[in-house]
């Protein structure tokens, strides 16, 4: 009996200690919305983790497809499916100022005999794996005549170190992203607030240690981690291209630059060069916005960004002009 208590008492003490720690994290420490964006305009999605809420009104209005776009024209002569993230969604500008809206307006004015529909499927926070899933399960059913894929350099670093690898950054845009994590790790993250907090600390530590920042992509030599991140992203782009090929739909990848690249694009365009080499290998079309942004910035001095990667109203206008 003494041996029994010698075993049980330490185990009970450990159990009580961890129960107290878990209670502190669960009821005292408040979980944060790491999206730093207005929550309430997205909702959970079983395939995509989150999506825009359909039929919203106001400045974040969405149409019947659930996109920040005008009413979907089912019978349009020419449908352009635009896959993208918060850049295409129009962070910091009104919908009427976003380049997808302006592109559709320009095409309809330039070709009055045809009706053009630009389906703006851009959603804040989306990365290439979500764009791939959306295209495969839903987007292809819209029967687009062309697929334009807006790519942002943060797809490589942000989703790799946080969203893709760890299944989410806790609460993002008001949606619990932990359900995307598989296995024992996912089970623990979902059920233990203390374990989840430790994982978040490790994520942030790794991000700082490995310097997962877009500016680090503009180097001739990358870390093994960033090379692996690139491999994942290029694989998903290749799968998107494959779907387009199977459906005989033209595909165009447009690369959105970062603001820091405008200062010295010839020494910071390594990500764009890598994508161009990949496009030649995979045989698809690519359009790099960096050249047009740099030239326009040099000539006019116009501020084309609201922050590091989101276009200003002038940036959206320039993008629509370059694309059209």
Protein backbone atom coordinates (compact mmCIF):
# COMPACT_ATOMS: atom_id res chain seq x y z
CA UNK A 1 0.00 0.00 0.00
CA UNK A 2 2.89 2.36 0.77
CA UNK A 3 4.35 1.78 -2.68
CA UNK A 4 0.95 2.52 -4.18
CA UNK A 5 0.80 5.92 -2.50
CA UNK A 6 4.41 6.65 -3.44
CA UNK A 7 3.40 6.31 -7.07
CA UNK A 8 -0.02 7.96 -6.92
CA UNK A 9 0.85 11.05 -4.89
CA UNK A 10 3.51 12.39 -7.31
CA UNK A 11 1.21 11.66 -10.27
CA UNK A 12 -1.67 13.44 -8.55
CA UNK A 13 0.58 16.42 -7.81
CA UNK A 14 1.64 16.65 -11.44
CA UNK A 15 -1.97 16.36 -12.58
CA UNK A 16 -3.09 19.11 -10.17
CA UNK A 17 -0.22 21.37 -11.28
CA UNK A 18 -1.07 21.03 -14.98
CA UNK A 19 -4.78 21.46 -14.24
CA UNK A 20 -4.02 24.77 -12.50
CA UNK A 21 -1.83 25.90 -15.42
CA UNK A 22 -4.53 24.96 -17.91
CA UNK A 23 -7.19 26.82 -15.87
CA UNK A 24 -5.02 29.96 -15.84
CA UNK A 25 -4.56 29.89 -19.61
CA UNK A 26 -8.21 29.05 -20.23
CA UNK A 27 -9.92 31.54 -17.94
CA UNK A 28 -7.39 34.29 -17.21
CA UNK A 29 -5.34 34.79 -20.38
CA UNK A 30 -7.49 36.14 -23.22
CA UNK A 31 -7.04 34.71 -26.70
CA UNK A 32 -6.27 37.31 -29.34
CA UNK A 33 -7.49 37.80 -32.86
CA UNK A 34 -4.14 37.74 -34.65
CA UNK A 35 -5.64 38.91 -37.93
CA UNK A 36 -5.56 42.52 -36.72
CA UNK A 37 -8.47 43.10 -39.08
CA UNK A 38 -12.18 43.71 -38.63
CA UNK A 39 -13.65 40.40 -37.58
CA UNK A 40 -17.23 39.58 -38.51
CA UNK A 41 -16.96 39.64 -42.29
CA UNK A 42 -15.65 36.08 -42.51
CA UNK A 43 -17.00 32.73 -41.34
CA UNK A 44 -15.57 29.22 -40.93
CA UNK A 45 -15.35 27.06 -44.04
CA UNK A 46 -14.84 23.27 -43.94
CA UNK A 47 -12.50 23.30 -46.95
CA UNK A 48 -10.84 26.72 -46.87
CA UNK A 49 -10.71 27.31 -43.07
CA UNK A 50 -12.42 30.67 -43.56
CA UNK A 51 -14.32 32.52 -46.27
CA UNK A 52 -16.08 35.84 -46.73
CA UNK A 53 -19.67 35.89 -45.54
CA UNK A 54 -22.06 36.05 -48.51
CA UNK A 55 -24.51 38.89 -49.05
CA UNK A 56 -22.97 41.35 -46.61
CA UNK A 57 -23.84 45.04 -46.95
CA UNK A 58 -21.90 48.22 -46.32
CA UNK A 59 -18.23 48.89 -47.13
CA UNK A 60 -17.42 45.16 -46.94
CA UNK A 61 -20.40 44.11 -49.06
CA UNK A 62 -20.26 40.71 -50.76
CA UNK A 63 -22.29 39.29 -53.62
CA UNK A 64 -24.19 36.01 -53.97
CA UNK A 65 -20.92 34.12 -54.49
CA UNK A 66 -19.58 35.45 -51.22
CA UNK A 67 -16.98 37.78 -52.75
CA UNK A 68 -16.30 41.50 -52.40
CA UNK A 69 -17.58 42.11 -55.89
CA UNK A 70 -20.52 43.37 -57.88
CA UNK A 71 -23.48 41.10 -58.63
CA UNK A 72 -22.25 38.01 -60.43
CA UNK A 73 -23.18 38.07 -64.13
CA UNK A 74 -23.97 34.43 -64.89
CA UNK A 75 -24.41 34.97 -68.61
CA UNK A 76 -21.35 37.14 -69.25
CA UNK A 77 -19.61 36.53 -72.59
CA UNK A 78 -16.18 36.37 -71.01
CA UNK A 79 -15.48 35.32 -67.42
CA UNK A 80 -12.15 36.01 -65.73
CA UNK A 81 -11.65 34.12 -62.47
CA UNK A 82 -9.24 36.07 -60.27
CA UNK A 83 -7.63 34.07 -57.48
CA UNK A 84 -5.98 36.25 -54.86
CA UNK A 85 -5.65 37.49 -51.30
CA UNK A 86 -6.15 40.82 -49.50
CA UNK A 87 -4.34 42.66 -52.33
CA UNK A 88 -7.10 41.74 -54.79
CA UNK A 89 -9.77 41.95 -52.10
CA UNK A 90 -8.80 45.62 -51.77
CA UNK A 91 -7.46 46.15 -48.28
CA UNK A 92 -7.56 49.87 -47.50
CA UNK A 93 -9.68 50.93 -50.49
CA UNK A 94 -13.35 50.80 -51.47
CA UNK A 95 -14.47 48.03 -53.77
CA UNK A 96 -14.96 50.57 -56.58
CA UNK A 97 -11.28 51.52 -56.24
CA UNK A 98 -9.91 47.97 -56.39
CA UNK A 99 -8.13 46.81 -59.52
CA UNK A 100 -10.51 43.87 -60.23
CA UNK A 101 -13.47 46.27 -60.34
CA UNK A 102 -11.52 48.75 -62.48
CA UNK A 103 -10.30 46.01 -64.81
CA UNK A 104 -13.84 44.76 -65.44
CA UNK A 105 -15.05 48.32 -66.04
CA UNK A 106 -12.19 49.02 -68.49
CA UNK A 107 -12.73 45.84 -70.49
CA UNK A 108 -16.46 46.47 -70.83
CA UNK A 109 -15.76 50.02 -72.06
CA UNK A 110 -13.05 48.92 -74.49
CA UNK A 111 -15.11 46.07 -75.96
CA UNK A 112 -18.72 47.28 -76.00
CA UNK A 113 -19.91 44.27 -77.98
CA UNK A 114 -18.92 41.87 -75.20
CA UNK A 115 -19.80 41.50 -71.53
CA UNK A 116 -16.83 40.89 -69.25
CA UNK A 117 -17.13 39.49 -65.74
CA UNK A 118 -14.09 39.62 -63.43
CA UNK A 119 -14.86 37.27 -60.56
CA UNK A 120 -12.84 38.67 -57.67
CA UNK A 121 -12.21 35.59 -55.53
CA UNK A 122 -9.60 37.39 -53.41
CA UNK A 123 -9.94 36.75 -49.67
CA UNK A 124 -7.77 38.29 -46.93
CA UNK A 125 -5.17 35.89 -45.61
CA UNK A 126 -5.51 33.32 -48.39
CA UNK A 127 -2.40 31.53 -49.56
CA UNK A 128 -1.75 29.35 -52.58
CA UNK A 129 -3.06 26.19 -50.92
CA UNK A 130 -6.44 27.82 -50.28
CA UNK A 131 -6.59 29.24 -53.80
CA UNK A 132 -5.85 25.75 -55.13
CA UNK A 133 -8.61 24.20 -53.02
CA UNK A 134 -11.11 26.87 -54.03
CA UNK A 135 -10.35 26.46 -57.72
CA UNK A 136 -10.55 22.69 -57.58
CA UNK A 137 -13.78 22.45 -55.58
CA UNK A 138 -15.73 25.56 -56.59
CA UNK A 139 -14.04 28.00 -58.94
CA UNK A 140 -13.78 25.65 -61.90
CA UNK A 141 -17.57 25.13 -61.77
CA UNK A 142 -18.02 28.79 -62.77
CA UNK A 143 -16.53 27.84 -66.16
CA UNK A 144 -14.10 30.77 -66.48
CA UNK A 145 -12.58 31.68 -69.84
CA UNK A 146 -9.31 32.63 -68.19
CA UNK A 147 -7.74 32.24 -64.75
CA UNK A 148 -5.69 35.11 -63.36
CA UNK A 149 -3.76 34.19 -60.23
CA UNK A 150 -2.56 37.14 -58.13
CA UNK A 151 0.46 36.06 -56.13
CA UNK A 152 1.88 37.90 -53.13
CA UNK A 153 5.35 37.19 -51.76
CA UNK A 154 4.06 36.77 -48.21
CA UNK A 155 2.36 33.55 -49.38
CA UNK A 156 5.81 32.01 -49.07
CA UNK A 157 6.83 33.10 -45.60
CA UNK A 158 3.69 33.78 -43.57
CA UNK A 159 1.67 30.71 -44.30
CA UNK A 160 4.75 28.50 -44.15
CA UNK A 161 5.86 29.44 -40.69
CA UNK A 162 2.39 29.85 -39.18
CA UNK A 163 -0.72 28.89 -41.09
CA UNK A 164 0.41 25.91 -43.16
CA UNK A 165 2.90 24.39 -40.76
CA UNK A 166 0.94 24.90 -37.55
CA UNK A 167 -2.58 25.01 -38.92
CA UNK A 168 -3.41 28.59 -38.11
CA UNK A 169 -2.53 31.46 -35.83
CA UNK A 170 -5.22 30.79 -33.24
CA UNK A 171 -8.06 33.21 -33.97
CA UNK A 172 -7.65 34.83 -37.39
CA UNK A 173 -10.24 37.35 -38.59
CA UNK A 174 -12.54 36.02 -35.89
CA UNK A 175 -12.34 32.41 -37.11
CA UNK A 176 -10.81 29.57 -35.07
CA UNK A 177 -8.21 28.12 -37.44
CA UNK A 178 -7.12 25.31 -35.12
CA UNK A 179 -9.50 22.82 -36.75
CA UNK A 180 -7.14 22.63 -39.73
CA UNK A 181 -4.45 20.85 -37.69
CA UNK A 182 -4.31 17.05 -37.92
CA UNK A 183 -3.11 14.30 -35.60
CA UNK A 184 -2.15 14.36 -31.92
CA UNK A 185 -0.74 17.86 -32.29
CA UNK A 186 -4.09 19.09 -33.55
CA UNK A 187 -5.95 17.27 -30.80
CA UNK A 188 -3.76 18.90 -28.13
CA UNK A 189 -3.94 22.40 -29.66
CA UNK A 190 -7.72 22.18 -29.85
CA UNK A 191 -8.23 20.95 -26.30
CA UNK A 192 -5.45 22.50 -24.24
CA UNK A 193 -5.10 26.26 -24.04
CA UNK A 194 -1.76 25.95 -22.24
CA UNK A 195 -0.34 23.65 -24.94
CA UNK A 196 -1.64 26.01 -27.60
CA UNK A 197 0.09 28.97 -25.93
CA UNK A 198 3.39 27.11 -25.85
CA UNK A 199 3.04 26.29 -29.55
CA UNK A 200 2.33 29.94 -30.37
CA UNK A 201 5.46 30.93 -28.47
CA UNK A 202 7.51 28.39 -30.44
CA UNK A 203 6.02 29.67 -33.70
CA UNK A 204 7.00 33.25 -32.91
CA UNK A 205 10.43 32.14 -31.74
CA UNK A 206 11.04 30.25 -34.98
CA UNK A 207 9.81 33.18 -37.06
CA UNK A 208 12.30 35.49 -35.36
CA UNK A 209 15.13 32.98 -35.40
CA UNK A 210 14.69 32.10 -39.05
CA UNK A 211 13.76 35.70 -39.93
CA UNK A 212 10.70 34.70 -41.89
CA UNK A 213 10.24 38.02 -43.61
CA UNK A 214 9.56 38.85 -47.22
CA UNK A 215 12.71 40.95 -47.40
CA UNK A 216 14.75 37.78 -46.79
CA UNK A 217 13.42 36.33 -50.03
CA UNK A 218 15.40 39.03 -51.85
CA UNK A 219 18.68 37.22 -51.32
CA UNK A 220 20.80 35.13 -53.65
CA UNK A 221 21.25 32.42 -51.01
CA UNK A 222 18.22 31.28 -48.99
CA UNK A 223 17.98 29.21 -45.84
CA UNK A 224 16.86 25.59 -46.05
CA UNK A 225 13.57 26.64 -44.46
CA UNK A 226 12.83 29.25 -47.13
CA UNK A 227 13.85 26.85 -49.89
CA UNK A 228 11.34 24.36 -48.50
CA UNK A 229 8.72 27.12 -48.32
CA UNK A 230 9.32 27.90 -51.99
CA UNK A 231 9.04 24.22 -52.88
CA UNK A 232 5.59 23.98 -51.29
CA UNK A 233 4.32 27.13 -52.99
CA UNK A 234 5.64 26.21 -56.43
CA UNK A 235 4.10 22.77 -56.12
CA UNK A 236 0.68 24.34 -55.47
CA UNK A 237 1.07 26.81 -58.33
CA UNK A 238 1.92 23.86 -60.57
CA UNK A 239 -1.28 22.09 -59.45
CA UNK A 240 -3.33 25.19 -60.28
CA UNK A 241 -1.69 25.32 -63.70
CA UNK A 242 -2.47 21.63 -64.19
CA UNK A 243 -6.17 22.19 -63.49
CA UNK A 244 -6.21 25.04 -66.00
CA UNK A 245 -4.50 22.84 -68.60
CA UNK A 246 -6.90 19.98 -68.04
CA UNK A 247 -9.84 22.32 -68.55
CA UNK A 248 -8.12 24.06 -71.49
CA UNK A 249 -8.31 27.44 -69.72
CA UNK A 250 -5.55 30.05 -70.21
CA UNK A 251 -3.70 30.80 -66.99
CA UNK A 252 -1.82 33.96 -66.03
CA UNK A 253 0.19 34.48 -62.84
CA UNK A 254 0.54 38.12 -61.81
CA UNK A 255 3.13 38.93 -59.15
CA UNK A 256 2.35 41.77 -56.75
CA UNK A 257 5.49 43.60 -55.59
CA UNK A 258 6.37 44.87 -52.13
CA UNK A 259 6.98 48.52 -51.41
CA UNK A 260 10.63 48.01 -50.44
CA UNK A 261 11.34 46.60 -53.91
CA UNK A 262 10.63 49.95 -55.56
CA UNK A 263 13.72 51.45 -53.94
CA UNK A 264 16.10 49.09 -55.74
CA UNK A 265 14.23 46.52 -57.86
CA UNK A 266 17.36 45.25 -59.62
CA UNK A 267 18.80 43.95 -56.34
CA UNK A 268 15.53 42.83 -54.71
CA UNK A 269 13.74 41.03 -57.54
CA UNK A 270 15.09 37.56 -56.73
CA UNK A 271 11.58 36.21 -55.92
CA UNK A 272 10.22 37.45 -59.25
CA UNK A 273 13.19 35.95 -61.11
CA UNK A 274 12.61 32.59 -59.44
CA UNK A 275 8.95 32.67 -60.46
CA UNK A 276 9.88 33.60 -64.03
CA UNK A 277 12.29 30.67 -64.26
CA UNK A 278 9.61 28.38 -62.88
CA UNK A 279 7.06 29.67 -65.40
CA UNK A 280 9.43 28.81 -68.26
CA UNK A 281 9.97 25.35 -66.85
CA UNK A 282 6.25 24.78 -66.28
CA UNK A 283 5.21 26.60 -69.47
CA UNK A 284 2.74 29.19 -68.23
CA UNK A 285 2.43 32.97 -68.59
CA UNK A 286 3.60 35.35 -65.88
CA UNK A 287 3.17 39.11 -65.53
CA UNK A 288 5.43 40.92 -63.08
CA UNK A 289 3.98 44.20 -61.81
CA UNK A 290 7.30 45.31 -60.34
CA UNK A 291 8.62 46.82 -63.58
CA UNK A 292 5.48 48.87 -64.19
CA UNK A 293 5.29 50.00 -60.56
CA UNK A 294 8.95 51.03 -60.53
CA UNK A 295 8.71 52.98 -63.79
CA UNK A 296 5.54 54.76 -62.67
CA UNK A 297 7.03 55.55 -59.27
CA UNK A 298 10.19 56.99 -60.86
CA UNK A 299 8.27 59.14 -63.33
CA UNK A 300 5.48 60.45 -61.12
CA UNK A 301 6.55 59.81 -57.54
CA UNK A 302 3.01 58.63 -56.79
CA UNK A 303 2.54 56.62 -53.62
CA UNK A 304 1.42 53.22 -54.88
CA UNK A 305 1.14 51.47 -51.50
CA UNK A 306 -0.86 52.04 -48.34
CA UNK A 307 1.50 49.78 -46.39
CA UNK A 308 4.23 47.28 -47.20
CA UNK A 309 2.20 45.21 -49.65
CA UNK A 310 -1.33 46.61 -50.06
CA UNK A 311 -1.87 48.95 -53.00
CA UNK A 312 -3.14 52.48 -52.62
CA UNK A 313 -5.92 53.78 -54.85
CA UNK A 314 -3.24 54.83 -57.34
CA UNK A 315 -1.65 51.38 -57.14
CA UNK A 316 -4.96 49.72 -57.97
CA UNK A 317 -5.54 52.07 -60.88
CA UNK A 318 -2.07 51.33 -62.25
CA UNK A 319 -2.57 47.58 -61.86
CA UNK A 320 -5.87 47.68 -63.76
CA UNK A 321 -4.24 49.73 -66.52
CA UNK A 322 -1.28 47.36 -66.85
CA UNK A 323 -3.51 44.28 -66.91
CA UNK A 324 -6.05 45.65 -69.36
